[in-house]
Amino acid sequence: MRPRRFLPSVTQLLAFEAVMRHKTVTSAAGELNLTQSTVSRLVNNLEHQLGQALFVRERKRLHPTDAALAYSRNVTQALDIIQRASMSLVANPGGGSLSLAVLPIFGTRWLSPRLGQFLDTNPGISMTLATRIQRFSFEHEAFDAVIFFGEADWAGANHSRLFEEHITACASPAFLERHPVSDASDLAGLPLLQLESRPNAWNVWFRAQGAAMPKTSGMLMDQFSMMIQAAISGLGIALLPDYLARTEIEEGRLAPILRTGVPGTGSYWLAWPKVKDDYQPLRAFRDWIVRCAEGGKPSHPDL
């Protein structure tokens, strides 16, 4: 039995969460399509039930207490979990669901073109995809698994390695007409585009060319999609994973530079909470994506 005192109604929690975001009862009431007096009553009832003051009231504004700030983070997470579970049930009442966090461009360029195969062979599983760049805790985010880049070091998780990243330097044909490159030394002084999550990638690439990295400059970005567009626009040289470089090269938007497909600074991994080990939809996806990654590893000839 769960003590009733510690299980406020969803209506009370929605009112509290809305007031926390808007800082006024008026705005919260407008969002919830309730009267101001109803929202105030719901919040007062919540405080009474918990035996804790959640707001300091000054004129028409509510200032949350430190306890309310901590409580609201958990309430928001719980409401998100309930919402996702309900959406999954409506979308797929007869089967399991899988909520996956994935790197943005990996999701669009690598996973999405292959995902239909998984869904066709697992028609009882519905999937929810969301993009994440920064790491998060499975305890605070309602995901069943995540695909990330780096090492097998996601806290509190089990891991399956998908494939090692191989990298290729690319620039627009027009850029290379202005700045011909026949040797690694020709890159000295040229703008080398940098990615926040790959701070040592250019050093690794230059070593693979048998050269030391020269002093250089270039824009710093947080996503490959921005880097690709910058390179296409002639703003510098991009260092891209092969699965991205190959597409841009085949379509003529970028051209490769020197040795291609050199080993990068990490691998792509699937990670999941240890408590989800036996969750059937996750097991099915894990088995499929590992086979898919194994079968789709590039041979790395010159592009």
Protein backbone atom coordinates (compact mmCIF):
# COMPACT_ATOMS: atom_id res chain seq x y z
CA MET A 1 0.00 0.00 0.00
CA ARG A 2 1.24 3.48 -0.87
CA PRO A 3 0.33 6.08 1.80
CA ARG A 4 -2.36 8.36 0.35
CA ARG A 5 -0.72 11.42 1.86
CA PHE A 6 2.29 11.04 -0.43
CA LEU A 7 0.22 10.52 -3.58
CA PRO A 8 -1.29 13.88 -4.55
CA SER A 9 -3.78 13.89 -7.39
CA VAL A 10 -2.55 14.48 -10.94
CA THR A 11 -4.71 17.62 -11.02
CA GLN A 12 -2.89 19.04 -8.01
CA LEU A 13 0.50 18.22 -9.51
CA LEU A 14 -0.41 19.76 -12.86
CA ALA A 15 -1.49 22.96 -11.12
CA PHE A 16 1.69 23.05 -9.05
CA GLU A 17 3.92 22.38 -12.08
CA ALA A 18 2.19 25.08 -14.14
CA VAL A 19 2.51 27.67 -11.36
CA MET A 20 6.21 26.78 -10.99
CA ARG A 21 6.79 27.48 -14.68
CA HIS A 22 4.69 30.62 -14.99
CA LYS A 23 5.32 32.08 -11.52
CA THR A 24 1.73 33.39 -11.48
CA VAL A 25 -1.61 31.74 -10.84
CA THR A 26 -3.19 33.77 -13.66
CA SER A 27 -0.91 32.37 -16.37
CA ALA A 28 -1.09 28.85 -14.97
CA ALA A 29 -4.90 29.03 -14.93
CA GLY A 30 -4.94 30.17 -18.55
CA GLU A 31 -2.76 27.25 -19.62
CA LEU A 32 -4.85 24.70 -17.72
CA ASN A 33 -8.17 26.27 -18.75
CA LEU A 34 -9.16 26.62 -15.09
CA THR A 35 -10.17 29.59 -12.98
CA GLN A 36 -7.57 31.33 -10.84
CA SER A 37 -9.43 30.37 -7.70
CA THR A 38 -9.39 26.69 -8.74
CA VAL A 39 -5.63 26.72 -9.34
CA SER A 40 -5.02 28.47 -6.01
CA ARG A 41 -7.21 25.93 -4.25
CA LEU A 42 -5.37 23.01 -5.85
CA VAL A 43 -1.98 24.39 -4.80
CA ASN A 44 -3.24 25.11 -1.27
CA ASN A 45 -4.62 21.59 -1.02
CA LEU A 46 -1.28 20.18 -2.14
CA GLU A 47 0.56 22.19 0.51
CA HIS A 48 -1.91 21.05 3.15
CA GLN A 49 -1.60 17.41 2.10
CA LEU A 50 2.20 17.51 2.19
CA GLY A 51 2.36 19.64 5.31
CA GLN A 52 4.83 21.96 3.60
CA ALA A 53 4.65 25.53 2.30
CA LEU A 54 5.66 25.49 -1.36
CA PHE A 55 5.39 29.21 -2.13
CA VAL A 56 5.98 32.52 -0.43
CA ARG A 57 3.11 34.79 -1.45
CA GLU A 58 3.89 38.43 -2.16
CA ARG A 59 1.09 40.47 -3.66
CA LYS A 60 0.10 38.71 -6.88
CA ARG A 61 3.29 36.70 -7.33
CA LEU A 62 4.34 33.37 -5.90
CA HIS A 63 7.97 32.72 -5.01
CA PRO A 64 8.80 29.00 -4.73
CA THR A 65 10.63 27.77 -1.67
CA ASP A 66 13.87 25.80 -2.01
CA ALA A 67 11.88 22.67 -1.19
CA ALA A 68 9.42 23.46 -3.99
CA LEU A 69 12.25 23.84 -6.52
CA ALA A 70 13.60 20.40 -5.67
CA TYR A 71 10.11 18.86 -5.58
CA SER A 72 9.14 20.33 -8.94
CA ARG A 73 12.03 18.63 -10.74
CA ASN A 74 10.78 15.24 -9.60
CA VAL A 75 7.16 16.12 -10.30
CA THR A 76 8.00 17.22 -13.86
CA GLN A 77 9.90 14.00 -14.47
CA ALA A 78 7.03 11.90 -13.11
CA LEU A 79 4.46 13.70 -15.26
CA ASP A 80 6.68 13.23 -18.32
CA ILE A 81 6.93 9.50 -17.63
CA ILE A 82 3.15 9.18 -17.25
CA GLN A 83 2.57 11.18 -20.44
CA ARG A 84 5.02 9.09 -22.48
CA ALA A 85 3.58 5.84 -21.13
CA SER A 86 0.05 6.96 -22.00
CA MET A 87 1.07 8.10 -25.49
CA SER A 88 2.80 4.77 -26.05
CA LEU A 89 -0.28 2.84 -24.91
CA VAL A 90 -2.54 4.82 -27.24
CA ALA A 91 -0.15 4.41 -30.17
CA ASN A 92 0.44 0.71 -29.54
CA PRO A 93 -2.19 -0.85 -27.26
CA GLY A 94 -1.20 -4.42 -28.12
CA GLY A 95 2.57 -4.39 -27.77
CA GLY A 96 5.61 -3.02 -26.02
CA SER A 97 7.23 0.34 -26.49
CA LEU A 98 10.80 1.56 -26.70
CA SER A 99 11.98 5.07 -25.91
CA LEU A 100 15.38 5.83 -27.43
CA ALA A 101 17.68 8.83 -27.13
CA VAL A 102 19.99 9.32 -30.08
CA LEU A 103 22.54 11.80 -31.42
CA PRO A 104 20.77 14.13 -33.88
CA ILE A 105 22.63 13.50 -37.13
CA PHE A 106 23.28 9.84 -36.32
CA GLY A 107 19.54 9.45 -35.95
CA THR A 108 18.73 11.11 -39.27
CA ARG A 109 21.61 9.84 -41.41
CA TRP A 110 22.39 6.35 -40.03
CA LEU A 111 19.49 5.05 -37.92
CA SER A 112 16.39 6.35 -39.70
CA PRO A 113 17.14 4.82 -43.13
CA ARG A 114 17.51 1.40 -41.45
CA LEU A 115 14.80 1.62 -38.80
CA GLY A 116 11.99 0.50 -41.08
CA GLN A 117 13.56 -2.95 -41.20
CA PHE A 118 13.35 -3.27 -37.43
CA LEU A 119 9.75 -2.05 -37.28
CA ASP A 120 8.71 -4.38 -40.10
CA THR A 121 10.11 -7.40 -38.27
CA ASN A 122 8.82 -6.25 -34.87
CA PRO A 123 5.31 -4.92 -35.60
CA GLY A 124 4.25 -5.12 -31.95
CA ILE A 125 6.85 -2.58 -30.80
CA SER A 126 6.26 1.16 -31.00
CA MET A 127 9.21 3.52 -30.80
CA THR A 128 9.73 7.01 -29.46
CA LEU A 129 12.87 8.82 -30.62
CA ALA A 130 14.35 11.94 -29.05
CA THR A 131 17.66 13.67 -29.72
CA ARG A 132 20.21 14.26 -27.00
CA ILE A 133 23.72 15.70 -27.33
CA GLN A 134 24.68 15.95 -23.68
CA ARG A 135 24.77 12.97 -21.35
CA PHE A 136 21.93 12.43 -18.92
CA SER A 137 20.96 10.07 -16.11
CA PHE A 138 18.55 7.23 -16.78
CA GLU A 139 17.20 7.91 -13.30
CA HIS A 140 16.05 11.36 -14.40
CA GLU A 141 15.13 10.75 -18.05
CA ALA A 142 12.49 8.21 -19.09
CA PHE A 143 14.53 6.48 -21.80
CA ASP A 144 14.98 2.76 -22.29
CA ALA A 145 18.29 3.20 -24.10
CA VAL A 146 20.63 5.70 -25.68
CA ILE A 147 22.98 5.70 -28.68
CA PHE A 148 26.04 7.81 -27.96
CA PHE A 149 29.63 8.38 -29.06
CA GLY A 150 32.71 7.83 -26.92
CA GLU A 151 33.74 5.00 -24.62
CA ALA A 152 31.74 2.38 -22.70
CA ASP A 153 31.46 4.58 -19.64
CA TRP A 154 27.79 5.58 -19.34
CA ALA A 155 27.08 5.61 -15.61
CA GLY A 156 24.89 2.80 -14.30
CA ALA A 157 24.42 1.24 -17.74
CA ASN A 158 25.26 -1.82 -19.79
CA HIS A 159 26.76 -1.33 -23.24
CA SER A 160 26.89 -2.87 -26.71
CA ARG A 161 29.47 -1.53 -29.13
CA LEU A 162 28.07 -0.68 -32.55
CA PHE A 163 31.09 0.41 -34.58
CA GLU A 164 34.26 2.47 -34.40
CA GLU A 165 34.14 5.91 -35.94
CA HIS A 166 36.36 6.47 -38.98
CA ILE A 167 36.90 10.00 -40.19
CA THR A 168 37.51 11.79 -43.49
CA ALA A 169 38.50 15.39 -44.09
CA CYS A 170 36.31 17.16 -46.65
CA ALA A 171 35.90 20.57 -48.23
CA SER A 172 33.76 22.05 -50.94
CA PRO A 173 35.12 21.74 -54.50
CA ALA A 174 35.19 25.53 -54.77
CA PHE A 175 37.23 25.80 -51.55
CA LEU A 176 39.76 23.27 -52.87
CA GLU A 177 40.06 25.15 -56.14
CA ARG A 178 41.14 28.21 -54.13
CA HIS A 179 43.29 26.15 -51.73
CA PRO A 180 44.66 23.03 -53.45
CA VAL A 181 45.74 20.30 -51.03
CA SER A 182 48.25 17.62 -52.07
CA ASP A 183 50.02 17.19 -48.72
CA ALA A 184 49.11 17.61 -45.05
CA SER A 185 51.40 20.64 -44.88
CA ASP A 186 49.09 22.44 -47.34
CA LEU A 187 46.49 22.69 -44.55
CA ALA A 188 48.66 25.09 -42.54
CA GLY A 189 46.77 28.33 -42.11
CA LEU A 190 43.51 26.99 -43.53
CA PRO A 191 40.37 27.06 -41.37
CA LEU A 192 39.78 23.61 -39.84
CA LEU A 193 36.25 23.26 -38.52
CA GLN A 194 36.12 21.88 -34.97
CA LEU A 195 33.46 19.85 -33.14
CA GLU A 196 33.05 20.30 -29.39
CA SER A 197 32.67 16.57 -28.74
CA ARG A 198 35.80 15.66 -30.77
CA PRO A 199 38.50 18.01 -29.40
CA ASN A 200 41.40 15.74 -30.47
CA ALA A 201 40.03 14.59 -33.81
CA TRP A 202 42.25 16.79 -35.97
CA ASN A 203 45.39 15.68 -34.08
CA VAL A 204 44.39 12.06 -34.72
CA TRP A 205 43.77 12.76 -38.40
CA PHE A 206 47.13 14.49 -38.91
CA ARG A 207 48.97 11.61 -37.21
CA ALA A 208 47.24 9.22 -39.62
CA GLN A 209 48.60 11.36 -42.49
CA GLY A 210 52.09 11.03 -41.03
CA ALA A 211 52.26 14.72 -40.11
CA ALA A 212 52.07 16.98 -37.09
CA MET A 213 49.10 19.26 -36.75
CA PRO A 214 50.09 22.83 -37.70
CA LYS A 215 48.88 25.93 -35.96
CA THR A 216 45.50 26.72 -37.40
CA SER A 217 42.13 28.21 -36.63
CA GLY A 218 38.52 27.38 -37.41
CA MET A 219 34.98 27.68 -36.18
CA LEU A 220 33.89 25.57 -33.17
CA MET A 221 30.51 23.86 -33.48
CA ASP A 222 28.35 21.52 -31.43
CA GLN A 223 26.72 19.49 -34.24
CA PHE A 224 27.90 17.83 -37.43
CA SER A 225 24.94 19.25 -39.36
CA MET A 226 26.28 22.77 -38.80
CA MET A 227 29.80 21.68 -39.73
CA ILE A 228 28.64 20.08 -42.97
CA GLN A 229 26.77 23.20 -44.01
CA ALA A 230 29.73 25.41 -43.09
CA ALA A 231 32.05 23.28 -45.23
CA ILE A 232 29.61 23.28 -48.16
CA SER A 233 29.48 27.08 -47.86
CA GLY A 234 33.27 27.26 -48.14
CA LEU A 235 33.97 28.30 -44.56
CA GLY A 236 36.61 25.66 -43.95
CA ILE A 237 37.51 21.99 -43.93
CA ALA A 238 35.26 19.55 -42.08
CA LEU A 239 36.36 16.34 -40.40
CA LEU A 240 33.42 13.96 -40.72
CA PRO A 241 32.53 10.38 -39.80
CA ASP A 242 32.56 8.21 -42.92
CA TYR A 243 28.81 7.61 -42.90
CA LEU A 244 28.35 11.38 -43.25
CA ALA A 245 31.30 12.09 -45.53
CA ARG A 246 30.35 9.37 -48.02
CA THR A 247 26.91 10.84 -48.67
CA GLU A 248 28.17 14.40 -49.15
CA ILE A 249 30.99 13.22 -51.43
CA GLU A 250 28.74 11.01 -53.56
CA GLU A 251 26.34 13.91 -54.06
CA GLY A 252 29.17 16.27 -55.02
CA ARG A 253 28.76 18.79 -52.22
CA LEU A 254 32.11 17.96 -50.63
CA ALA A 255 35.37 16.41 -51.82
CA PRO A 256 37.75 14.23 -49.75
CA ILE A 257 41.22 15.32 -48.74
CA LEU A 258 44.26 13.00 -48.56
CA ARG A 259 43.91 9.65 -46.75
CA THR A 260 40.27 8.86 -46.01
CA GLY A 261 38.52 6.67 -43.44
CA VAL A 262 41.16 6.89 -40.73
CA PRO A 263 40.32 5.59 -37.22
CA GLY A 264 38.82 8.34 -35.07
CA THR A 265 38.66 8.99 -31.35
CA GLY A 266 35.91 6.63 -30.21
CA SER A 267 32.99 4.39 -31.08
CA TYR A 268 29.21 4.47 -31.24
CA TRP A 269 27.51 2.58 -28.42
CA LEU A 270 24.08 1.47 -27.35
CA ALA A 271 23.64 1.83 -23.58
CA TRP A 272 20.69 0.95 -21.37
CA PRO A 273 19.88 0.82 -17.64
CA LYS A 274 20.91 -2.46 -16.05
CA VAL A 275 17.39 -2.96 -14.76
CA LYS A 276 16.17 -3.06 -18.40
CA ASP A 277 18.33 -6.04 -19.37
CA ASP A 278 15.35 -8.38 -19.75
CA TYR A 279 12.92 -5.87 -21.26
CA GLN A 280 11.79 -7.63 -24.42
CA PRO A 281 11.43 -4.61 -26.78
CA LEU A 282 14.92 -3.48 -25.80
CA ARG A 283 16.37 -6.96 -26.26
CA ALA A 284 14.85 -7.14 -29.73
CA PHE A 285 16.22 -3.71 -30.69
CA ARG A 286 19.63 -4.46 -29.19
CA ASP A 287 19.99 -7.70 -31.13
CA TRP A 288 18.85 -6.01 -34.35
CA ILE A 289 21.04 -2.91 -34.18
CA VAL A 290 24.17 -4.88 -33.28
CA ARG A 291 23.63 -7.13 -36.32
CA CYS A 292 22.82 -4.08 -38.43
CA ALA A 293 25.99 -2.25 -37.34
CA GLU A 294 28.11 -5.34 -37.89
CA GLY A 295 26.77 -5.79 -41.40
CA GLY A 296 27.08 -2.11 -42.24
CA LYS A 297 30.70 -1.52 -41.26
CA PRO A 298 32.53 0.29 -44.08
CA SER A 299 35.60 -1.27 -45.62
CA HIS A 300 37.27 2.18 -45.85
CA PRO A 301 38.65 2.22 -49.39
CA ASP A 302 39.53 5.63 -50.75
CA LEU A 303 36.27 7.52 -51.13
